[in-house]
PDB file of all heavy atoms in Angstrom:
ATOM      1  N   SER A   1      -4.395  11.410   7.803  1.00  0.00           N
ATOM      2  CA  SER A   1      -5.720  11.904   8.217  1.00  0.00           C
ATOM      3  C   SER A   1      -5.743  12.220   9.702  1.00  0.00           C
ATOM      4  O   SER A   1      -6.314  13.239  10.133  1.00  0.00           O
ATOM      5  CB  SER A   1      -6.793  10.856   7.893  1.00  0.00           C
ATOM      6  OG  SER A   1      -6.864  10.605   6.504  1.00  0.00           O
ATOM      7  N   TRP A   2      -5.120  11.365  10.502  1.00  0.00           N
ATOM      8  CA  TRP A   2      -5.061  11.576  11.960  1.00  0.00           C
ATOM      9  C   TRP A   2      -4.374  12.895  12.287  1.00  0.00           C
ATOM     10  O   TRP A   2      -4.878  13.696  13.077  1.00  0.00           O
ATOM     11  CB  TRP A   2      -4.342  10.398  12.612  1.00  0.00           C
ATOM     12  CG  TRP A   2      -3.810  10.681  13.980  1.00  0.00           C
ATOM     13  CD1 TRP A   2      -4.510  10.694  15.153  1.00  0.00           C
ATOM     14  CD2 TRP A   2      -2.450  11.010  14.323  1.00  0.00           C
ATOM     15  NE1 TRP A   2      -3.683  11.012  16.197  1.00  0.00           N
ATOM     16  CE2 TRP A   2      -2.411  11.211  15.721  1.00  0.00           C
ATOM     17  CE3 TRP A   2      -1.273  11.140  13.587  1.00  0.00           C
ATOM     18  CZ2 TRP A   2      -1.234  11.540  16.392  1.00  0.00           C
ATOM     19  CZ3 TRP A   2      -0.101  11.474  14.244  1.00  0.00           C
ATOM     20  CH2 TRP A   2      -0.091  11.670  15.633  1.00  0.00           C
ATOM     21  N   ASN A   3      -3.228  13.156  11.672  1.00  0.00           N
ATOM     22  CA  ASN A   3      -2.514  14.389  11.988  1.00  0.00           C
ATOM     23  C   ASN A   3      -3.275  15.614  11.488  1.00  0.00           C
ATOM     24  O   ASN A   3      -3.359  16.629  12.182  1.00  0.00           O
ATOM     25  CB  ASN A   3      -1.099  14.360  11.399  1.00  0.00           C
ATOM     26  CG  ASN A   3      -0.027  14.566  12.455  1.00  0.00           C
ATOM     27  OD1 ASN A   3      -0.289  15.106  13.527  1.00  0.00           O
ATOM     28  ND2 ASN A   3       1.191  14.137  12.165  1.00  0.00           N
ATOM     29  N   ALA A   4      -3.846  15.523  10.287  1.00  0.00           N
ATOM     30  CA  ALA A   4      -4.632  16.644   9.772  1.00  0.00           C
ATOM     31  C   ALA A   4      -5.819  16.935  10.683  1.00  0.00           C
ATOM     32  O   ALA A   4      -6.205  18.092  10.873  1.00  0.00           O
ATOM     33  CB  ALA A   4      -5.098  16.344   8.351  1.00  0.00           C
ATOM     34  N   GLN A   5      -6.370  15.888  11.275  1.00  0.00           N
ATOM     35  CA  GLN A   5      -7.505  16.055  12.190  1.00  0.00           C
ATOM     36  C   GLN A   5      -7.085  16.757  13.483  1.00  0.00           C
ATOM     37  O   GLN A   5      -7.918  17.330  14.180  1.00  0.00           O
ATOM     38  CB  GLN A   5      -8.129  14.693  12.497  1.00  0.00           C
ATOM     39  CG  GLN A   5      -9.619  14.744  12.745  1.00  0.00           C
ATOM     40  CD  GLN A   5     -10.274  13.395  12.473  1.00  0.00           C
ATOM     41  OE1 GLN A   5      -9.939  12.721  11.507  1.00  0.00           O
ATOM     42  NE2 GLN A   5     -11.208  13.012  13.320  1.00  0.00           N
ATOM     43  N   ARG A   6      -5.788  16.708  13.788  1.00  0.00           N
ATOM     44  CA  ARG A   6      -5.249  17.453  14.938  1.00  0.00           C
ATOM     45  C   ARG A   6      -4.915  18.887  14.550  1.00  0.00           C
ATOM     46  O   ARG A   6      -4.318  19.621  15.339  1.00  0.00           O
ATOM     47  CB  ARG A   6      -3.962  16.786  15.442  1.00  0.00           C
ATOM     48  CG  ARG A   6      -4.080  15.348  15.850  1.00  0.00           C
ATOM     49  CD  ARG A   6      -2.686  14.724  15.991  1.00  0.00           C
ATOM     50  NE  ARG A   6      -1.980  15.161  17.187  1.00  0.00           N
ATOM     51  CZ  ARG A   6      -0.663  15.283  17.293  1.00  0.00           C
ATOM     52  NH1 ARG A   6       0.112  15.031  16.249  1.00  0.00           N
ATOM     53  NH2 ARG A   6      -0.113  15.669  18.417  1.00  0.00           N
ATOM     54  N   ASN A   7      -5.257  19.277  13.315  1.00  0.00           N
ATOM     55  CA  ASN A   7      -4.875  20.581  12.755  1.00  0.00           C
ATOM     56  C   ASN A   7      -3.366  20.731  12.659  1.00  0.00           C
ATOM     57  O   ASN A   7      -2.815  21.821  12.854  1.00  0.00           O
ATOM     58  CB  ASN A   7      -5.500  21.733  13.552  1.00  0.00           C
ATOM     59  CG  ASN A   7      -6.977  21.875  13.275  1.00  0.00           C
ATOM     60  OD1 ASN A   7      -7.410  21.742  12.132  1.00  0.00           O
ATOM     61  ND2 ASN A   7      -7.752  22.114  14.312  1.00  0.00           N
ATOM     62  N   VAL A   8      -2.697  19.626  12.360  1.00  0.00           N
ATOM     63  CA  VAL A   8      -1.262  19.622  12.087  1.00  0.00           C
ATOM     64  C   VAL A   8      -1.079  19.447  10.580  1.00  0.00           C
ATOM     65  O   VAL A   8      -1.623  18.519   9.980  1.00  0.00           O
ATOM     66  CB  VAL A   8      -0.550  18.493  12.860  1.00  0.00           C
ATOM     67  CG1 VAL A   8       0.895  18.337  12.396  1.00  0.00           C
ATOM     68  CG2 VAL A   8      -0.606  18.758  14.363  1.00  0.00           C
ATOM     69  N   VAL A   9      -0.331  20.355   9.974  1.00  0.00           N
ATOM     70  CA  VAL A   9      -0.066  20.297   8.536  1.00  0.00           C
ATOM     71  C   VAL A   9       0.846  19.103   8.248  1.00  0.00           C
ATOM     72  O   VAL A   9       1.769  18.817   9.018  1.00  0.00           O
ATOM     73  CB  VAL A   9       0.613  21.599   8.066  1.00  0.00           C
ATOM     74  CG1 VAL A   9       0.955  21.538   6.577  1.00  0.00           C
ATOM     75  CG2 VAL A   9      -0.276  22.799   8.365  1.00  0.00           C
ATOM     76  N   VAL A  10       0.589  18.405   7.163  1.00  0.00           N
ATOM     77  CA  VAL A  10       1.400  17.239   6.795  1.00  0.00           C
ATOM     78  C   VAL A  10       2.030  17.455   5.418  1.00  0.00           C
ATOM     79  O   VAL A  10       1.398  17.991   4.510  1.00  0.00           O
ATOM     80  CB  VAL A  10       0.572  15.931   6.800  1.00  0.00           C
ATOM     81  CG1 VAL A  10       0.217  15.540   8.224  1.00  0.00           C
ATOM     82  CG2 VAL A  10      -0.705  16.069   5.959  1.00  0.00           C
ATOM     83  N   ILE A  11       3.286  17.028   5.281  1.00  0.00           N
ATOM     84  CA  ILE A  11       4.012  17.224   4.009  1.00  0.00           C
ATOM     85  C   ILE A  11       4.693  15.914   3.596  1.00  0.00           C
ATOM     86  O   ILE A  11       5.923  15.829   3.543  1.00  0.00           O
ATOM     87  CB  ILE A  11       5.030  18.374   4.113  1.00  0.00           C
ATOM     88  CG1 ILE A  11       5.878  18.261   5.397  1.00  0.00           C
ATOM     89  CG2 ILE A  11       4.324  19.720   4.066  1.00  0.00           C
ATOM     90  CD1 ILE A  11       7.061  19.214   5.437  1.00  0.00           C
ATOM     91  N   PRO A  12       3.901  14.875   3.298  1.00  0.00           N
ATOM     92  CA  PRO A  12       4.509  13.606   2.886  1.00  0.00           C
ATOM     93  C   PRO A  12       5.324  13.770   1.617  1.00  0.00           C
ATOM     94  O   PRO A  12       4.929  14.472   0.682  1.00  0.00           O
ATOM     95  CB  PRO A  12       3.294  12.698   2.659  1.00  0.00           C
ATOM     96  CG  PRO A  12       2.175  13.642   2.339  1.00  0.00           C
ATOM     97  CD  PRO A  12       2.435  14.848   3.194  1.00  0.00           C
ATOM     98  N   LYS A  13       6.480  13.119   1.592  1.00  0.00           N
ATOM     99  CA  LYS A  13       7.374  13.189   0.435  1.00  0.00           C
ATOM    100  C   LYS A  13       7.215  11.932  -0.418  1.00  0.00           C
ATOM    101  O   LYS A  13       7.164  10.812   0.096  1.00  0.00           O
ATOM    102  CB  LYS A  13       8.826  13.323   0.916  1.00  0.00           C
ATOM    103  CG  LYS A  13       9.874  13.200  -0.192  1.00  0.00           C
ATOM    104  CD  LYS A  13      10.504  11.820  -0.228  1.00  0.00           C
ATOM    105  CE  LYS A  13      11.441  11.677  -1.419  1.00  0.00           C
ATOM    106  NZ  LYS A  13      11.997  10.324  -1.543  1.00  0.00           N
ATOM    107  N   SER A  14       7.127  12.119  -1.710  1.00  0.00           N
ATOM    108  CA  SER A  14       7.160  10.990  -2.636  1.00  0.00           C
ATOM    109  C   SER A  14       7.474  11.524  -4.023  1.00  0.00           C
ATOM    110  O   SER A  14       7.179  12.679  -4.338  1.00  0.00           O
ATOM    111  CB  SER A  14       5.831  10.242  -2.668  1.00  0.00           C
ATOM    112  OG  SER A  14       5.915   9.135  -3.559  1.00  0.00           O
ATOM    113  N   VAL A  15       8.085  10.681  -4.863  1.00  0.00           N
ATOM    114  CA  VAL A  15       8.258  11.007  -6.280  1.00  0.00           C
ATOM    115  C   VAL A  15       7.489  10.008  -7.139  1.00  0.00           C
ATOM    116  O   VAL A  15       7.569  10.043  -8.368  1.00  0.00           O
ATOM    117  CB  VAL A  15       9.752  11.027  -6.685  1.00  0.00           C
ATOM    118  CG1 VAL A  15      10.495  12.150  -5.958  1.00  0.00           C
ATOM    119  CG2 VAL A  15      10.417   9.684  -6.435  1.00  0.00           C
ATOM    120  N   THR A  16       6.729   9.123  -6.496  1.00  0.00           N
ATOM    121  CA  THR A  16       5.955   8.090  -7.189  1.00  0.00           C
ATOM    122  C   THR A  16       4.528   8.588  -7.395  1.00  0.00           C
ATOM    123  O   THR A  16       3.831   8.872  -6.408  1.00  0.00           O
ATOM    124  CB  THR A  16       5.933   6.790  -6.366  1.00  0.00           C
ATOM    125  OG1 THR A  16       7.284   6.398  -6.082  1.00  0.00           O
ATOM    126  CG2 THR A  16       5.211   5.691  -7.118  1.00  0.00           C
ATOM    127  N   PRO A  17       4.059   8.719  -8.639  1.00  0.00           N
ATOM    128  CA  PRO A  17       2.732   9.302  -8.877  1.00  0.00           C
ATOM    129  C   PRO A  17       1.600   8.642  -8.090  1.00  0.00           C
ATOM    130  O   PRO A  17       0.738   9.342  -7.545  1.00  0.00           O
ATOM    131  CB  PRO A  17       2.543   9.107 -10.393  1.00  0.00           C
ATOM    132  CG  PRO A  17       3.940   9.179 -10.934  1.00  0.00           C
ATOM    133  CD  PRO A  17       4.795   8.488  -9.893  1.00  0.00           C
ATOM    134  N   SER A  18       1.606   7.315  -8.003  1.00  0.00           N
ATOM    135  CA  SER A  18       0.513   6.646  -7.288  1.00  0.00           C
ATOM    136  C   SER A  18       0.528   6.972  -5.793  1.00  0.00           C
ATOM    137  O   SER A  18      -0.527   7.122  -5.164  1.00  0.00           O
ATOM    138  CB  SER A  18       0.608   5.128  -7.479  1.00  0.00           C
ATOM    139  OG  SER A  18       1.842   4.628  -6.983  1.00  0.00           O
ATOM    140  N   ARG A  19       1.727   7.114  -5.227  1.00  0.00           N
ATOM    141  CA  ARG A  19       1.834   7.467  -3.804  1.00  0.00           C
ATOM    142  C   ARG A  19       1.453   8.931  -3.573  1.00  0.00           C
ATOM    143  O   ARG A  19       0.840   9.267  -2.559  1.00  0.00           O
ATOM    144  CB  ARG A  19       3.256   7.218  -3.322  1.00  0.00           C
ATOM    145  CG  ARG A  19       3.640   5.746  -3.270  1.00  0.00           C
ATOM    146  CD  ARG A  19       3.033   5.068  -2.039  1.00  0.00           C
ATOM    147  NE  ARG A  19       3.272   3.642  -2.046  1.00  0.00           N
ATOM    148  CZ  ARG A  19       4.408   3.067  -1.642  1.00  0.00           C
ATOM    149  NH1 ARG A  19       5.409   3.817  -1.230  1.00  0.00           N
ATOM    150  NH2 ARG A  19       4.527   1.749  -1.654  1.00  0.00           N
ATOM    151  N   ILE A  20       1.855   9.793  -4.504  1.00  0.00           N
ATOM    152  CA  ILE A  20       1.494  11.206  -4.394  1.00  0.00           C
ATOM    153  C   ILE A  20      -0.029  11.339  -4.383  1.00  0.00           C
ATOM    154  O   ILE A  20      -0.597  12.096  -3.589  1.00  0.00           O
ATOM    155  CB  ILE A  20       2.122  12.018  -5.545  1.00  0.00           C
ATOM    156  CG1 ILE A  20       3.657  12.014  -5.423  1.00  0.00           C
ATOM    157  CG2 ILE A  20       1.598  13.453  -5.556  1.00  0.00           C
ATOM    158  CD1 ILE A  20       4.382  12.600  -6.622  1.00  0.00           C
ATOM    159  N   LYS A  21      -0.693  10.578  -5.245  1.00  0.00           N
ATOM    160  CA  LYS A  21      -2.155  10.587  -5.296  1.00  0.00           C
ATOM    161  C   LYS A  21      -2.754   9.998  -4.023  1.00  0.00           C
ATOM    162  O   LYS A  21      -3.683  10.572  -3.428  1.00  0.00           O
ATOM    163  CB  LYS A  21      -2.634   9.796  -6.514  1.00  0.00           C
ATOM    164  CG  LYS A  21      -4.143   9.770  -6.678  1.00  0.00           C
ATOM    165  CD  LYS A  21      -4.554   9.000  -7.936  1.00  0.00           C
ATOM    166  CE  LYS A  21      -6.065   8.990  -8.099  1.00  0.00           C
ATOM    167  NZ  LYS A  21      -6.464   8.238  -9.328  1.00  0.00           N
ATOM    168  N   GLU A  22      -2.235   8.871  -3.583  1.00  0.00           N
ATOM    169  CA  GLU A  22      -2.730   8.204  -2.369  1.00  0.00           C
ATOM    170  C   GLU A  22      -2.639   9.129  -1.160  1.00  0.00           C
ATOM    171  O   GLU A  22      -3.583   9.247  -0.374  1.00  0.00           O
ATOM    172  CB  GLU A  22      -1.911   6.933  -2.114  1.00  0.00           C
ATOM    173  CG  GLU A  22      -2.184   6.250  -0.789  1.00  0.00           C
ATOM    174  CD  GLU A  22      -1.155   5.162  -0.493  1.00  0.00           C
ATOM    175  OE1 GLU A  22      -0.563   4.610  -1.440  1.00  0.00           O
ATOM    176  OE2 GLU A  22      -0.938   4.873   0.711  1.00  0.00           O
ATOM    177  N   ASN A  23      -1.493   9.803  -1.020  1.00  0.00           N
ATOM    178  CA  ASN A  23      -1.270  10.649   0.153  1.00  0.00           C
ATOM    179  C   ASN A  23      -2.201  11.851   0.194  1.00  0.00           C
ATOM    180  O   ASN A  23      -2.454  12.408   1.263  1.00  0.00           O
ATOM    181  CB  ASN A  23       0.186  11.129   0.183  1.00  0.00           C
ATOM    182  CG  ASN A  23       1.170  10.012   0.445  1.00  0.00           C
ATOM    183  OD1 ASN A  23       0.816   8.952   0.931  1.00  0.00           O
ATOM    184  ND2 ASN A  23       2.430  10.239   0.096  1.00  0.00           N
ATOM    185  N   PHE A  24      -2.712  12.245  -0.971  1.00  0.00           N
ATOM    186  CA  PHE A  24      -3.584  13.420  -1.041  1.00  0.00           C
ATOM    187  C   PHE A  24      -5.018  13.092  -0.630  1.00  0.00           C
ATOM    188  O   PHE A  24      -5.814  13.993  -0.353  1.00  0.00           O
ATOM    189  CB  PHE A  24      -3.554  13.981  -2.466  1.00  0.00           C
ATOM    190  CG  PHE A  24      -4.061  15.391  -2.595  1.00  0.00           C
ATOM    191  CD1 PHE A  24      -3.584  16.407  -1.792  1.00  0.00           C
ATOM    192  CD2 PHE A  24      -5.022  15.709  -3.549  1.00  0.00           C
ATOM    193  CE1 PHE A  24      -4.042  17.713  -1.916  1.00  0.00           C
ATOM    194  CE2 PHE A  24      -5.485  17.005  -3.695  1.00  0.00           C
ATOM    195  CZ  PHE A  24      -4.998  18.013  -2.877  1.00  0.00           C
ATOM    196  N   GLN A  25      -5.338  11.803  -0.581  1.00  0.00           N
ATOM    197  CA  GLN A  25      -6.716  11.372  -0.315  1.00  0.00           C
ATOM    198  C   GLN A  25      -6.907  11.087   1.176  1.00  0.00           C
ATOM    199  O   GLN A  25      -7.051   9.940   1.598  1.00  0.00           O
ATOM    200  CB  GLN A  25      -7.049  10.154  -1.171  1.00  0.00           C
ATOM    201  CG  GLN A  25      -7.016  10.477  -2.666  1.00  0.00           C
ATOM    202  CD  GLN A  25      -7.075   9.240  -3.550  1.00  0.00           C
ATOM    203  OE1 GLN A  25      -6.729   8.147  -3.130  1.00  0.00           O
ATOM    204  NE2 GLN A  25      -7.511   9.409  -4.784  1.00  0.00           N
ATOM    205  N   ILE A  26      -6.947  12.163   1.960  1.00  0.00           N
ATOM    206  CA  ILE A  26      -7.153  12.009   3.399  1.00  0.00           C
ATOM    207  C   ILE A  26      -8.621  12.266   3.731  1.00  0.00           C
ATOM    208  O   ILE A  26      -9.351  12.893   2.963  1.00  0.00           O
ATOM    209  CB  ILE A  26      -6.227  12.942   4.204  1.00  0.00           C
ATOM    210  CG1 ILE A  26      -6.401  14.402   3.788  1.00  0.00           C
ATOM    211  CG2 ILE A  26      -4.772  12.523   4.027  1.00  0.00           C
ATOM    212  CD1 ILE A  26      -5.578  15.378   4.607  1.00  0.00           C
ATOM    213  N   VAL A  27      -9.030  11.755   4.875  1.00  0.00           N
ATOM    214  CA  VAL A  27     -10.447  11.775   5.241  1.00  0.00           C
ATOM    215  C   VAL A  27     -10.596  12.198   6.701  1.00  0.00           C
ATOM    216  O   VAL A  27      -9.624  12.343   7.436  1.00  0.00           O
ATOM    217  CB  VAL A  27     -11.090  10.381   5.050  1.00  0.00           C
ATOM    218  CG1 VAL A  27     -10.954   9.910   3.611  1.00  0.00           C
ATOM    219  CG2 VAL A  27     -10.474   9.368   6.015  1.00  0.00           C
ATOM    220  N   GLU A  28     -11.853  12.368   7.116  1.00  0.00           N
ATOM    221  CA  GLU A  28     -12.172  12.619   8.511  1.00  0.00           C
ATOM    222  C   GLU A  28     -12.412  11.263   9.177  1.00  0.00           C
ATOM    223  O   GLU A  28     -13.303  10.513   8.784  1.00  0.00           O
ATOM    224  CB  GLU A  28     -13.426  13.482   8.621  1.00  0.00           C
ATOM    225  CG  GLU A  28     -13.799  13.871  10.035  1.00  0.00           C
ATOM    226  CD  GLU A  28     -13.170  15.194  10.472  1.00  0.00           C
ATOM    227  OE1 GLU A  28     -12.628  15.906   9.621  1.00  0.00           O
ATOM    228  OE2 GLU A  28     -13.237  15.479  11.671  1.00  0.00           O
ATOM    229  N   LEU A  29     -11.592  10.934  10.165  1.00  0.00           N
ATOM    230  CA  LEU A  29     -11.761   9.682  10.900  1.00  0.00           C
ATOM    231  C   LEU A  29     -12.876   9.821  11.930  1.00  0.00           C
ATOM    232  O   LEU A  29     -13.133  10.923  12.434  1.00  0.00           O
ATOM    233  CB  LEU A  29     -10.454   9.299  11.613  1.00  0.00           C
ATOM    234  CG  LEU A  29      -9.222   9.055  10.739  1.00  0.00           C
ATOM    235  CD1 LEU A  29      -8.001   8.847  11.625  1.00  0.00           C
ATOM    236  CD2 LEU A  29      -9.423   7.859   9.817  1.00  0.00           C
ATOM    237  N   SER A  30     -13.516   8.712  12.266  1.00  0.00           N
ATOM    238  CA  SER A  30     -14.471   8.743  13.375  1.00  0.00           C
ATOM    239  C   SER A  30     -13.716   9.063  14.662  1.00  0.00           C
ATOM    240  O   SER A  30     -12.500   8.840  14.761  1.00  0.00           O
ATOM    241  CB  SER A  30     -15.185   7.400  13.504  1.00  0.00           C
ATOM    242  OG  SER A  30     -14.278   6.403  13.970  1.00  0.00           O
ATOM    243  N   GLN A  31     -14.432   9.560  15.649  1.00  0.00           N
ATOM    244  CA  GLN A  31     -13.778   9.876  16.921  1.00  0.00           C
ATOM    245  C   GLN A  31     -13.141   8.633  17.525  1.00  0.00           C
ATOM    246  O   GLN A  31     -12.044   8.690  18.083  1.00  0.00           O
ATOM    247  CB  GLN A  31     -14.782  10.479  17.908  1.00  0.00           C
ATOM    248  CG  GLN A  31     -14.142  11.059  19.159  1.00  0.00           C
ATOM    249  CD  GLN A  31     -13.192  12.210  18.865  1.00  0.00           C
ATOM    250  OE1 GLN A  31     -13.537  13.124  18.130  1.00  0.00           O
ATOM    251  NE2 GLN A  31     -11.984  12.169  19.429  1.00  0.00           N
ATOM    252  N   GLU A  32     -13.809   7.497  17.373  1.00  0.00           N
ATOM    253  CA  GLU A  32     -13.276   6.238  17.903  1.00  0.00           C
ATOM    254  C   GLU A  32     -11.942   5.885  17.240  1.00  0.00           C
ATOM    255  O   GLU A  32     -10.975   5.534  17.934  1.00  0.00           O
ATOM    256  CB  GLU A  32     -14.284   5.104  17.664  1.00  0.00           C
ATOM    257  CG  GLU A  32     -13.794   3.737  18.132  1.00  0.00           C
ATOM    258  CD  GLU A  32     -14.732   2.602  17.738  1.00  0.00           C
ATOM    259  OE1 GLU A  32     -15.729   2.866  17.029  1.00  0.00           O
ATOM    260  OE2 GLU A  32     -14.450   1.448  18.132  1.00  0.00           O
ATOM    261  N   ASP A  33     -11.890   5.995  15.923  1.00  0.00           N
ATOM    262  CA  ASP A  33     -10.663   5.642  15.213  1.00  0.00           C
ATOM    263  C   ASP A  33      -9.559   6.664  15.471  1.00  0.00           C
ATOM    264  O   ASP A  33      -8.388   6.308  15.620  1.00  0.00           O
ATOM    265  CB  ASP A  33     -10.936   5.513  13.714  1.00  0.00           C
ATOM    266  CG  ASP A  33     -11.790   4.296  13.385  1.00  0.00           C
ATOM    267  OD1 ASP A  33     -11.791   3.343  14.194  1.00  0.00           O
ATOM    268  OD2 ASP A  33     -12.452   4.296  12.329  1.00  0.00           O
ATOM    269  N   PHE A  34      -9.949   7.938  15.529  1.00  0.00           N
ATOM    270  CA  PHE A  34      -8.971   8.979  15.849  1.00  0.00           C
ATOM    271  C   PHE A  34      -8.360   8.712  17.229  1.00  0.00           C
ATOM    272  O   PHE A  34      -7.133   8.788  17.406  1.00  0.00           O
ATOM    273  CB  PHE A  34      -9.645  10.358  15.829  1.00  0.00           C
ATOM    274  CG  PHE A  34      -8.752  11.476  16.269  1.00  0.00           C
ATOM    275  CD1 PHE A  34      -7.855  12.069  15.392  1.00  0.00           C
ATOM    276  CD2 PHE A  34      -8.799  11.940  17.579  1.00  0.00           C
ATOM    277  CE1 PHE A  34      -7.019  13.102  15.801  1.00  0.00           C
ATOM    278  CE2 PHE A  34      -7.976  12.975  18.005  1.00  0.00           C
ATOM    279  CZ  PHE A  34      -7.082  13.561  17.115  1.00  0.00           C
ATOM    280  N   ASP A  35      -9.199   8.376  18.195  1.00  0.00           N
ATOM    281  CA  ASP A  35      -8.709   8.131  19.556  1.00  0.00           C
ATOM    282  C   ASP A  35      -7.802   6.899  19.616  1.00  0.00           C
ATOM    283  O   ASP A  35      -6.852   6.862  20.407  1.00  0.00           O
ATOM    284  CB  ASP A  35      -9.891   7.954  20.522  1.00  0.00           C
ATOM    285  CG  ASP A  35     -10.637   9.259  20.774  1.00  0.00           C
ATOM    286  OD1 ASP A  35     -10.072  10.327  20.478  1.00  0.00           O
ATOM    287  OD2 ASP A  35     -11.784   9.196  21.263  1.00  0.00           O
ATOM    288  N   LYS A  36      -8.092   5.909  18.783  1.00  0.00           N
ATOM    289  CA  LYS A  36      -7.234   4.718  18.748  1.00  0.00           C
ATOM    290  C   LYS A  36      -5.820   5.088  18.313  1.00  0.00           C
ATOM    291  O   LYS A  36      -4.839   4.663  18.917  1.00  0.00           O
ATOM    292  CB  LYS A  36      -7.816   3.666  17.786  1.00  0.00           C
ATOM    293  CG  LYS A  36      -8.962   2.850  18.364  1.00  0.00           C
ATOM    294  CD  LYS A  36      -9.416   1.802  17.350  1.00  0.00           C
ATOM    295  CE  LYS A  36     -10.563   0.963  17.909  1.00  0.00           C
ATOM    296  NZ  LYS A  36     -11.026  -0.035  16.906  1.00  0.00           N
ATOM    297  N   VAL A  37      -5.733   5.863  17.246  1.00  0.00           N
ATOM    298  CA  VAL A  37      -4.409   6.273  16.762  1.00  0.00           C
ATOM    299  C   VAL A  37      -3.741   7.192  17.786  1.00  0.00           C
ATOM    300  O   VAL A  37      -2.551   7.063  18.092  1.00  0.00           O
ATOM    301  CB  VAL A  37      -4.512   6.978  15.392  1.00  0.00           C
ATOM    302  CG1 VAL A  37      -3.139   7.431  14.920  1.00  0.00           C
ATOM    303  CG2 VAL A  37      -5.144   6.043  14.355  1.00  0.00           C
ATOM    304  N   ASN A  38      -4.521   8.090  18.335  1.00  0.00           N
ATOM    305  CA  ASN A  38      -3.999   9.032  19.321  1.00  0.00           C
ATOM    306  C   ASN A  38      -3.504   8.319  20.576  1.00  0.00           C
ATOM    307  O   ASN A  38      -2.648   8.836  21.299  1.00  0.00           O
ATOM    308  CB  ASN A  38      -5.094  10.033  19.714  1.00  0.00           C
ATOM    309  CG  ASN A  38      -4.603  11.450  19.758  1.00  0.00           C
ATOM    310  OD1 ASN A  38      -3.724  11.831  19.000  1.00  0.00           O
ATOM    311  ND2 ASN A  38      -5.160  12.239  20.661  1.00  0.00           N
ATOM    312  N   GLY A  39      -4.039   7.128  20.819  1.00  0.00           N
ATOM    313  CA  GLY A  39      -3.698   6.389  22.033  1.00  0.00           C
ATOM    314  C   GLY A  39      -2.479   5.492  21.910  1.00  0.00           C
ATOM    315  O   GLY A  39      -2.092   4.826  22.882  1.00  0.00           O
ATOM    316  N   ILE A  40      -1.863   5.439  20.739  1.00  0.00           N
ATOM    317  CA  ILE A  40      -0.634   4.657  20.581  1.00  0.00           C
ATOM    318  C   ILE A  40       0.428   5.197  21.536  1.00  0.00           C
ATOM    319  O   ILE A  40       0.650   6.402  21.612  1.00  0.00           O
ATOM    320  CB  ILE A  40      -0.140   4.713  19.114  1.00  0.00           C
ATOM    321  CG1 ILE A  40      -1.115   3.969  18.194  1.00  0.00           C
ATOM    322  CG2 ILE A  40       1.268   4.133  18.984  1.00  0.00           C
ATOM    323  CD1 ILE A  40      -0.817   4.116  16.714  1.00  0.00           C
ATOM    324  N   THR A  41       1.068   4.303  22.267  1.00  0.00           N
ATOM    325  CA  THR A  41       2.008   4.749  23.312  1.00  0.00           C
ATOM    326  C   THR A  41       3.474   4.531  22.961  1.00  0.00           C
ATOM    327  O   THR A  41       4.354   5.063  23.642  1.00  0.00           O
ATOM    328  CB  THR A  41       1.712   4.028  24.644  1.00  0.00           C
ATOM    329  OG1 THR A  41       1.787   2.611  24.427  1.00  0.00           O
ATOM    330  CG2 THR A  41       0.327   4.401  25.168  1.00  0.00           C
ATOM    331  N   PHE A  42       3.761   3.755  21.919  1.00  0.00           N
ATOM    332  CA  PHE A  42       5.159   3.551  21.525  1.00  0.00           C
ATOM    333  C   PHE A  42       5.736   4.873  21.048  1.00  0.00           C
ATOM    334  O   PHE A  42       5.091   5.635  20.324  1.00  0.00           O
ATOM    335  CB  PHE A  42       5.250   2.508  20.415  1.00  0.00           C
ATOM    336  CG  PHE A  42       6.669   2.226  19.963  1.00  0.00           C
ATOM    337  CD1 PHE A  42       7.499   1.415  20.717  1.00  0.00           C
ATOM    338  CD2 PHE A  42       7.182   2.805  18.807  1.00  0.00           C
ATOM    339  CE1 PHE A  42       8.810   1.163  20.311  1.00  0.00           C
ATOM    340  CE2 PHE A  42       8.483   2.560  18.390  1.00  0.00           C
ATOM    341  CZ  PHE A  42       9.297   1.734  19.156  1.00  0.00           C
ATOM    342  N   ARG A  43       6.966   5.181  21.463  1.00  0.00           N
ATOM    343  CA  ARG A  43       7.589   6.454  21.104  1.00  0.00           C
ATOM    344  C   ARG A  43       8.967   6.232  20.493  1.00  0.00           C
ATOM    345  O   ARG A  43       9.764   5.432  20.991  1.00  0.00           O
ATOM    346  CB  ARG A  43       7.732   7.349  22.342  1.00  0.00           C
ATOM    347  CG  ARG A  43       6.404   7.802  22.935  1.00  0.00           C
ATOM    348  CD  ARG A  43       5.731   8.819  22.028  1.00  0.00           C
ATOM    349  NE  ARG A  43       4.443   9.253  22.545  1.00  0.00           N
ATOM    350  CZ  ARG A  43       3.270   8.757  22.166  1.00  0.00           C
ATOM    351  NH1 ARG A  43       3.219   7.786  21.255  1.00  0.00           N
ATOM    352  NH2 ARG A  43       2.156   9.222  22.675  1.00  0.00           N
ATOM    353  N   GLN A  44       9.244   6.962  19.428  1.00  0.00           N
ATOM    354  CA  GLN A  44      10.558   6.909  18.813  1.00  0.00           C
ATOM    355  C   GLN A  44      10.786   8.170  17.983  1.00  0.00           C
ATOM    356  O   GLN A  44       9.948   8.549  17.173  1.00  0.00           O
ATOM    357  CB  GLN A  44      10.696   5.680  17.907  1.00  0.00           C
ATOM    358  CG  GLN A  44      12.104   5.468  17.383  1.00  0.00           C
ATOM    359  CD  GLN A  44      12.192   4.175  16.593  1.00  0.00           C
ATOM    360  OE1 GLN A  44      12.130   4.186  15.380  1.00  0.00           O
ATOM    361  NE2 GLN A  44      12.336   3.061  17.273  1.00  0.00           N
ATOM    362  N   ARG A  45      11.915   8.821  18.243  1.00  0.00           N
ATOM    363  CA  ARG A  45      12.330   9.960  17.433  1.00  0.00           C
ATOM    364  C   ARG A  45      13.391   9.478  16.449  1.00  0.00           C
ATOM    365  O   ARG A  45      14.381   8.880  16.847  1.00  0.00           O
ATOM    366  CB  ARG A  45      12.912  11.068  18.320  1.00  0.00           C
ATOM    367  CG  ARG A  45      13.265  12.331  17.535  1.00  0.00           C
ATOM    368  CD  ARG A  45      13.973  13.353  18.428  1.00  0.00           C
ATOM    369  NE  ARG A  45      13.164  13.796  19.540  1.00  0.00           N
ATOM    370  CZ  ARG A  45      12.191  14.693  19.473  1.00  0.00           C
ATOM    371  NH1 ARG A  45      11.903  15.244  18.314  1.00  0.00           N
ATOM    372  NH2 ARG A  45      11.494  15.036  20.537  1.00  0.00           N
TER     373      ARG A  45
END
């Protein structure tokens, strides 16, 4: 939901039906919650 809210397309991979369904159920986060996720500073590629 956070990435979609940034207008970034997301392509989660799964072959498990319950996960495929779960991943499709994204929502609009509040600005406060979006900013919390956006503020994470740990970095790893």
